[in-house]
Amino acid sequence: MARKLAKTTLDRFRKRLEEEKERLEEQIADYERVLEEARLTESSSDRSPDPGNAEASSMKLEYAKELSIEQNTLDLLSKANRALERIDAGTYGICESCGKAIPIERLEALPYSTLCVECASRVS
């Protein structure tokens, strides 16, 4: 059976995850503002480049990059939320695959980890 983390340790991880969640939500809001500004700029009549020119290609590449970054941020936010749910459920720090304790060092590096190192290496 996996060890239970001390309340002070759980509180420390909860605080860290809540701060990370807030930071990620702010980042997502910023990305959405940038993307909306880009959409408005692209659709304005005075700034609507010919789709075949280099400026249009550059804008499309920048837009795709921003979408990718936003998607990665959304993924991390989902993981942080899941970790907070696991803290509430009393399963934080326990590998979802084998049921063994996830080493504190791994949780320090990746506080949203749901797998121990051994199980994570099998998935990769």
Protein backbone atom coordinates (compact mmCIF):
# COMPACT_ATOMS: atom_id res chain seq x y z
CA MET A 1 0.00 0.00 0.00
CA ALA A 2 1.25 3.46 -0.89
CA ARG A 3 2.16 5.94 1.82
CA LYS A 4 -0.14 8.86 2.50
CA LEU A 5 1.41 12.28 2.18
CA ALA A 6 1.48 14.47 5.28
CA LYS A 7 -1.12 17.24 5.45
CA THR A 8 1.60 19.91 5.32
CA THR A 9 3.04 18.31 2.18
CA LEU A 10 -0.39 18.14 0.55
CA ASP A 11 -1.06 21.76 1.53
CA ARG A 12 2.24 22.79 -0.06
CA PHE A 13 1.40 20.97 -3.31
CA ARG A 14 -2.17 22.35 -3.28
CA LYS A 15 -0.84 25.91 -2.96
CA ARG A 16 1.67 25.34 -5.75
CA LEU A 17 -0.96 23.80 -8.05
CA GLU A 18 -3.48 26.57 -7.33
CA GLU A 19 -0.83 29.19 -8.16
CA GLU A 20 0.06 27.30 -11.34
CA LYS A 21 -3.63 27.06 -12.25
CA GLU A 22 -4.06 30.81 -11.83
CA ARG A 23 -0.94 31.52 -13.91
CA LEU A 24 -2.11 29.19 -16.70
CA GLU A 25 -5.60 30.72 -16.74
CA GLU A 26 -4.03 34.17 -17.12
CA GLN A 27 -1.83 32.90 -19.95
CA ILE A 28 -4.84 31.40 -21.74
CA ALA A 29 -6.75 34.68 -21.43
CA ASP A 30 -3.72 36.51 -22.88
CA TYR A 31 -3.46 34.04 -25.79
CA GLU A 32 -7.16 34.42 -26.52
CA ARG A 33 -6.81 38.22 -26.57
CA VAL A 34 -3.85 38.00 -28.97
CA LEU A 35 -5.67 35.55 -31.22
CA GLU A 36 -8.80 37.70 -31.27
CA GLU A 37 -6.74 40.77 -32.13
CA ALA A 38 -5.07 38.80 -34.95
CA ARG A 39 -8.46 37.67 -36.27
CA LEU A 40 -9.78 41.22 -36.22
CA THR A 41 -6.65 42.58 -37.89
CA GLU A 42 -6.69 39.86 -40.52
CA SER A 43 -10.35 40.46 -41.35
CA SER A 44 -10.13 44.24 -41.48
CA SER A 45 -10.43 45.58 -45.01
CA ASP A 46 -7.30 47.70 -44.79
CA ARG A 47 -5.14 44.77 -43.55
CA SER A 48 -6.40 41.82 -45.54
CA PRO A 49 -3.32 40.51 -47.36
CA ASP A 50 -3.44 38.45 -50.51
CA PRO A 51 -3.47 34.80 -49.36
CA GLY A 52 -0.62 34.03 -51.75
CA ASN A 53 1.84 36.57 -50.44
CA ALA A 54 4.55 36.14 -47.80
CA GLU A 55 2.81 38.38 -45.26
CA ALA A 56 -0.29 36.15 -45.28
CA SER A 57 1.85 33.04 -44.86
CA SER A 58 3.70 34.63 -41.98
CA MET A 59 0.43 35.61 -40.28
CA LYS A 60 -0.93 32.07 -40.69
CA LEU A 61 2.26 30.59 -39.23
CA GLU A 62 2.14 32.95 -36.26
CA TYR A 63 -1.55 32.16 -35.71
CA ALA A 64 -0.87 28.39 -35.80
CA LYS A 65 2.00 28.82 -33.34
CA GLU A 66 -0.21 30.75 -30.91
CA LEU A 67 -2.92 28.08 -31.17
CA SER A 68 -0.37 25.35 -30.43
CA ILE A 69 0.96 27.21 -27.39
CA GLU A 70 -2.58 27.79 -26.15
CA GLN A 71 -3.42 24.08 -26.58
CA ASN A 72 -0.33 23.08 -24.58
CA THR A 73 -1.30 25.54 -21.85
CA LEU A 74 -4.85 24.15 -21.77
CA ASP A 75 -3.38 20.65 -21.40
CA LEU A 76 -1.24 21.75 -18.43
CA LEU A 77 -4.27 23.47 -16.88
CA SER A 78 -6.25 20.25 -17.20
CA LYS A 79 -3.43 18.33 -15.49
CA ALA A 80 -3.26 20.87 -12.66
CA ASN A 81 -7.03 20.64 -12.15
CA ARG A 82 -6.82 16.84 -12.13
CA ALA A 83 -4.04 16.96 -9.52
CA LEU A 84 -6.15 19.23 -7.31
CA GLU A 85 -9.05 16.78 -7.65
CA ARG A 86 -6.71 13.95 -6.62
CA ILE A 87 -5.67 15.92 -3.53
CA ASP A 88 -9.35 16.33 -2.60
CA ALA A 89 -10.00 12.64 -3.25
CA GLY A 90 -7.01 11.53 -1.17
CA THR A 91 -5.27 9.86 -4.12
CA TYR A 92 -2.62 12.49 -4.86
CA GLY A 93 0.88 11.04 -4.95
CA ILE A 94 -0.33 7.52 -5.71
CA CYS A 95 0.42 6.01 -9.13
CA GLU A 96 -2.78 5.52 -11.12
CA SER A 97 -1.28 2.45 -12.79
CA CYS A 98 0.40 0.38 -10.08
CA GLY A 99 -0.88 2.02 -6.88
CA LYS A 100 2.60 2.66 -5.48
CA ALA A 101 3.72 6.00 -4.08
CA ILE A 102 5.02 8.55 -6.55
CA PRO A 103 8.38 9.78 -5.20
CA ILE A 104 8.28 13.29 -3.73
CA GLU A 105 11.15 14.25 -6.04
CA ARG A 106 8.96 13.44 -9.05
CA LEU A 107 6.05 15.43 -7.61
CA GLU A 108 8.42 18.35 -6.97
CA ALA A 109 9.46 18.28 -10.63
CA LEU A 110 5.98 17.53 -12.04
CA PRO A 111 3.35 18.25 -9.40
CA TYR A 112 0.59 16.98 -11.70
CA SER A 113 2.18 13.54 -12.15
CA THR A 114 -0.25 10.65 -11.98
CA LEU A 115 2.29 7.89 -12.65
CA CYS A 116 5.42 6.78 -10.85
CA VAL A 117 8.69 6.87 -12.81
CA GLU A 118 8.55 3.17 -13.67
CA CYS A 119 4.99 3.27 -15.03
CA ALA A 120 5.61 6.56 -16.85
CA SER A 121 8.65 5.05 -18.59
CA ARG A 122 6.50 2.19 -19.89
CA VAL A 123 3.96 4.63 -21.34
CA SER A 124 6.58 6.77 -23.11
